[in-house]
Amino acid sequence: MAAFQKIPDFAEQVLKGVHNFAAHTFKVALTNTAPQAANAVLADLTQIAATGGYVSGGFTLDSVVLSETAGTAKVVVADEVIAASGGAMGPLRYAVVYNDTASGKPLVGFYDYGSSITLNDGETLTVDFDQSAGVLTLA
């Protein structure tokens, strides 16, 4: 899986105080269509069909931790295990992180799996967030 890619609008939204990584709820939505530079909010994406255990809006990230050491802030997110249940889920290629608390549900960034995949009933996909370097770092 490629590195986490931030959505272009995210940088501006951070400076406007839209995202609070210490208090807001963040989710991961699945899509088979590449996020575009103009995409800014969840409604700009075409999510995969709500089947096989996928619900519109995706999955809540269980642990998002903001920390700061010596002037460097880092956001660490626990890996998210997504399981197909009751049927197939997908096809999907992109796991897109967004802020579910902020108005409009602004996008943060995404992972690209390189090609479309389908999870058959009982199969899992782990969105593997970087536990060491974090998802986002601001120095």
C-alpha atoms as a PDB file:
ATOM      1  CA  MET A   1       0.000   0.000   0.000  1.00  0.00           C
ATOM      2  CA  ALA A   2       1.254   3.467  -0.860  1.00  0.00           C
ATOM      3  CA  ALA A   3       1.858   6.221   1.662  1.00  0.00           C
ATOM      4  CA  PHE A   4      -0.989   8.268   3.091  1.00  0.00           C
ATOM      5  CA  GLN A   5      -1.840  11.119   0.705  1.00  0.00           C
ATOM      6  CA  LYS A   6      -3.493  14.209   2.099  1.00  0.00           C
ATOM      7  CA  ILE A   7      -6.386  15.864   0.296  1.00  0.00           C
ATOM      8  CA  PRO A   8      -5.264  19.292  -1.069  1.00  0.00           C
ATOM      9  CA  ASP A   9      -8.044  21.180   0.765  1.00  0.00           C
ATOM     10  CA  PHE A  10      -6.990  19.610   4.088  1.00  0.00           C
ATOM     11  CA  ALA A  11      -4.077  22.010   4.666  1.00  0.00           C
ATOM     12  CA  GLU A  12      -6.350  25.050   4.417  1.00  0.00           C
ATOM     13  CA  GLN A  13      -8.965  23.417   6.641  1.00  0.00           C
ATOM     14  CA  VAL A  14      -6.363  22.757   9.368  1.00  0.00           C
ATOM     15  CA  LEU A  15      -5.339  26.418   9.362  1.00  0.00           C
ATOM     16  CA  LYS A  16      -9.007  27.430   9.616  1.00  0.00           C
ATOM     17  CA  GLY A  17      -9.419  25.266  12.736  1.00  0.00           C
ATOM     18  CA  VAL A  18     -11.812  22.779  11.132  1.00  0.00           C
ATOM     19  CA  HIS A  19     -10.113  19.617  12.412  1.00  0.00           C
ATOM     20  CA  ASN A  20      -9.606  18.801  16.096  1.00  0.00           C
ATOM     21  CA  PHE A  21      -7.715  15.514  16.213  1.00  0.00           C
ATOM     22  CA  ALA A  22      -7.990  15.425  19.996  1.00  0.00           C
ATOM     23  CA  ALA A  23     -11.799  15.601  20.087  1.00  0.00           C
ATOM     24  CA  HIS A  24     -13.482  14.929  16.723  1.00  0.00           C
ATOM     25  CA  THR A  25     -14.638  11.580  15.339  1.00  0.00           C
ATOM     26  CA  PHE A  26     -12.801  10.410  12.225  1.00  0.00           C
ATOM     27  CA  LYS A  27     -13.968   7.699   9.862  1.00  0.00           C
ATOM     28  CA  VAL A  28     -12.691   5.798   6.847  1.00  0.00           C
ATOM     29  CA  ALA A  29     -14.916   5.532   3.772  1.00  0.00           C
ATOM     30  CA  LEU A  30     -14.246   3.137   0.892  1.00  0.00           C
ATOM     31  CA  THR A  31     -14.393   4.033  -2.784  1.00  0.00           C
ATOM     32  CA  ASN A  32     -13.268   2.563  -6.072  1.00  0.00           C
ATOM     33  CA  THR A  33     -12.888   6.001  -7.657  1.00  0.00           C
ATOM     34  CA  ALA A  34      -9.687   7.997  -7.162  1.00  0.00           C
ATOM     35  CA  PRO A  35     -10.136  11.070  -4.964  1.00  0.00           C
ATOM     36  CA  GLN A  36      -9.577  14.192  -7.060  1.00  0.00           C
ATOM     37  CA  ALA A  37      -7.790  17.427  -6.126  1.00  0.00           C
ATOM     38  CA  ALA A  38     -11.149  19.221  -6.060  1.00  0.00           C
ATOM     39  CA  ASN A  39     -12.680  16.746  -3.593  1.00  0.00           C
ATOM     40  CA  ALA A  40     -13.110  18.396  -0.206  1.00  0.00           C
ATOM     41  CA  VAL A  41     -15.995  16.663   1.596  1.00  0.00           C
ATOM     42  CA  LEU A  42     -17.444  13.156   1.872  1.00  0.00           C
ATOM     43  CA  ALA A  43     -20.301  13.997  -0.515  1.00  0.00           C
ATOM     44  CA  ASP A  44     -17.696  14.569  -3.269  1.00  0.00           C
ATOM     45  CA  LEU A  45     -16.838  10.838  -3.221  1.00  0.00           C
ATOM     46  CA  THR A  46     -18.685   7.915  -4.761  1.00  0.00           C
ATOM     47  CA  GLN A  47     -18.589   5.304  -2.011  1.00  0.00           C
ATOM     48  CA  ILE A  48     -18.839   1.590  -2.672  1.00  0.00           C
ATOM     49  CA  ALA A  49     -22.270  -0.019  -2.423  1.00  0.00           C
ATOM     50  CA  ALA A  50     -23.622  -0.542   1.085  1.00  0.00           C
ATOM     51  CA  THR A  51     -23.405  -4.337   0.984  1.00  0.00           C
ATOM     52  CA  GLY A  52     -21.327  -7.029   2.655  1.00  0.00           C
ATOM     53  CA  GLY A  53     -21.177  -5.135   5.926  1.00  0.00           C
ATOM     54  CA  TYR A  54     -20.268  -1.759   4.449  1.00  0.00           C
ATOM     55  CA  VAL A  55     -22.550   1.084   5.476  1.00  0.00           C
ATOM     56  CA  SER A  56     -22.657   4.483   3.826  1.00  0.00           C
ATOM     57  CA  GLY A  57     -20.160   6.684   5.642  1.00  0.00           C
ATOM     58  CA  GLY A  58     -17.773   3.849   6.377  1.00  0.00           C
ATOM     59  CA  PHE A  59     -16.183   2.859   9.657  1.00  0.00           C
ATOM     60  CA  THR A  60     -15.305   4.879  12.750  1.00  0.00           C
ATOM     61  CA  LEU A  61     -11.594   4.904  13.507  1.00  0.00           C
ATOM     62  CA  ASP A  62     -11.272   3.374  16.963  1.00  0.00           C
ATOM     63  CA  SER A  63      -8.262   5.309  18.183  1.00  0.00           C
ATOM     64  CA  VAL A  64      -6.992   8.690  16.964  1.00  0.00           C
ATOM     65  CA  VAL A  65      -4.324  10.135  19.258  1.00  0.00           C
ATOM     66  CA  LEU A  66      -2.751  13.585  18.970  1.00  0.00           C
ATOM     67  CA  SER A  67       0.543  14.082  20.769  1.00  0.00           C
ATOM     68  CA  GLU A  68       3.260  16.749  20.829  1.00  0.00           C
ATOM     69  CA  THR A  69       6.919  16.454  21.723  1.00  0.00           C
ATOM     70  CA  ALA A  70       9.469  19.278  21.450  1.00  0.00           C
ATOM     71  CA  GLY A  71       7.305  21.267  19.042  1.00  0.00           C
ATOM     72  CA  THR A  72       6.395  18.399  16.729  1.00  0.00           C
ATOM     73  CA  ALA A  73       2.757  17.306  16.741  1.00  0.00           C
ATOM     74  CA  LYS A  74       1.809  13.858  15.482  1.00  0.00           C
ATOM     75  CA  VAL A  75      -1.478  12.067  14.849  1.00  0.00           C
ATOM     76  CA  VAL A  76      -1.353   8.288  15.363  1.00  0.00           C
ATOM     77  CA  VAL A  77      -4.312   6.153  14.291  1.00  0.00           C
ATOM     78  CA  ALA A  78      -4.835   2.523  15.288  1.00  0.00           C
ATOM     79  CA  ASP A  79      -5.116   0.088  12.390  1.00  0.00           C
ATOM     80  CA  GLU A  80      -8.694  -0.472  11.265  1.00  0.00           C
ATOM     81  CA  VAL A  81      -9.768  -4.026  10.389  1.00  0.00           C
ATOM     82  CA  ILE A  82     -12.688  -4.113   7.974  1.00  0.00           C
ATOM     83  CA  ALA A  83     -14.537  -7.416   7.548  1.00  0.00           C
ATOM     84  CA  ALA A  84     -16.991  -8.420   4.847  1.00  0.00           C
ATOM     85  CA  SER A  85     -20.080  -9.937   6.408  1.00  0.00           C
ATOM     86  CA  GLY A  86     -23.208 -11.353   4.790  1.00  0.00           C
ATOM     87  CA  GLY A  87     -21.801 -11.053   1.283  1.00  0.00           C
ATOM     88  CA  ALA A  88     -19.032  -9.446  -0.730  1.00  0.00           C
ATOM     89  CA  MET A  89     -17.800  -5.887  -0.165  1.00  0.00           C
ATOM     90  CA  GLY A  90     -16.391  -3.845  -3.021  1.00  0.00           C
ATOM     91  CA  PRO A  91     -14.767  -3.557  -5.400  1.00  0.00           C
ATOM     92  CA  LEU A  92     -12.712  -0.882  -3.660  1.00  0.00           C
ATOM     93  CA  ARG A  93      -9.316   0.702  -4.154  1.00  0.00           C
ATOM     94  CA  TYR A  94      -9.180   3.734  -1.852  1.00  0.00           C
ATOM     95  CA  ALA A  95      -9.606   4.104   1.916  1.00  0.00           C
ATOM     96  CA  VAL A  96     -10.440   7.755   2.580  1.00  0.00           C
ATOM     97  CA  VAL A  97     -10.172   9.315   6.048  1.00  0.00           C
ATOM     98  CA  TYR A  98     -12.588  12.126   6.846  1.00  0.00           C
ATOM     99  CA  ASN A  99     -13.786  14.168   9.818  1.00  0.00           C
ATOM    100  CA  ASP A 100     -17.286  13.000  10.746  1.00  0.00           C
ATOM    101  CA  THR A 101     -17.750  15.743  13.375  1.00  0.00           C
ATOM    102  CA  ALA A 102     -16.932  18.861  11.358  1.00  0.00           C
ATOM    103  CA  SER A 103     -19.577  20.488   9.169  1.00  0.00           C
ATOM    104  CA  GLY A 104     -19.745  18.944   5.702  1.00  0.00           C
ATOM    105  CA  LYS A 105     -17.577  15.973   6.721  1.00  0.00           C
ATOM    106  CA  PRO A 106     -14.282  17.306   5.293  1.00  0.00           C
ATOM    107  CA  LEU A 107     -11.759  14.868   3.832  1.00  0.00           C
ATOM    108  CA  VAL A 108      -8.300  14.400   5.361  1.00  0.00           C
ATOM    109  CA  GLY A 109      -6.474  12.000   3.049  1.00  0.00           C
ATOM    110  CA  PHE A 110      -6.434   8.507   1.603  1.00  0.00           C
ATOM    111  CA  TYR A 111      -4.569   5.279   0.949  1.00  0.00           C
ATOM    112  CA  ASP A 112      -4.439   3.759  -2.524  1.00  0.00           C
ATOM    113  CA  TYR A 113      -4.322  -0.055  -2.640  1.00  0.00           C
ATOM    114  CA  GLY A 114      -2.936   0.048  -6.194  1.00  0.00           C
ATOM    115  CA  SER A 115      -5.759  -1.935  -7.787  1.00  0.00           C
ATOM    116  CA  SER A 116      -9.378  -2.760  -7.117  1.00  0.00           C
ATOM    117  CA  ILE A 117     -10.096  -5.512  -4.606  1.00  0.00           C
ATOM    118  CA  THR A 118     -13.244  -7.263  -3.467  1.00  0.00           C
ATOM    119  CA  LEU A 119     -13.627  -8.759  -0.017  1.00  0.00           C
ATOM    120  CA  ASN A 120     -15.621 -11.966  -0.064  1.00  0.00           C
ATOM    121  CA  ASP A 121     -17.840 -12.862   2.887  1.00  0.00           C
ATOM    122  CA  GLY A 122     -15.590 -13.418   5.917  1.00  0.00           C
ATOM    123  CA  GLU A 123     -12.471 -11.817   4.410  1.00  0.00           C
ATOM    124  CA  THR A 124     -10.820  -8.817   6.047  1.00  0.00           C
ATOM    125  CA  LEU A 125      -8.862  -5.769   4.991  1.00  0.00           C
ATOM    126  CA  THR A 126      -6.586  -3.939   7.415  1.00  0.00           C
ATOM    127  CA  VAL A 127      -6.135  -0.212   6.875  1.00  0.00           C
ATOM    128  CA  ASP A 128      -2.555  -0.155   8.115  1.00  0.00           C
ATOM    129  CA  PHE A 129      -1.836   3.246   9.637  1.00  0.00           C
ATOM    130  CA  ASP A 130       1.824   4.074  10.400  1.00  0.00           C
ATOM    131  CA  GLN A 131       2.113   3.640  14.175  1.00  0.00           C
ATOM    132  CA  SER A 132       5.676   4.969  14.349  1.00  0.00           C
ATOM    133  CA  ALA A 133       5.710   8.070  12.162  1.00  0.00           C
ATOM    134  CA  GLY A 134       1.994   8.700  12.512  1.00  0.00           C
ATOM    135  CA  VAL A 135      -0.484   9.568   9.796  1.00  0.00           C
ATOM    136  CA  LEU A 136       0.178  13.286   9.993  1.00  0.00           C
ATOM    137  CA  THR A 137       3.099  15.228  11.469  1.00  0.00           C
ATOM    138  CA  LEU A 138       3.491  18.974  11.889  1.00  0.00           C
ATOM    139  CA  ALA A 139       6.877  20.320  12.922  1.00  0.00           C
END
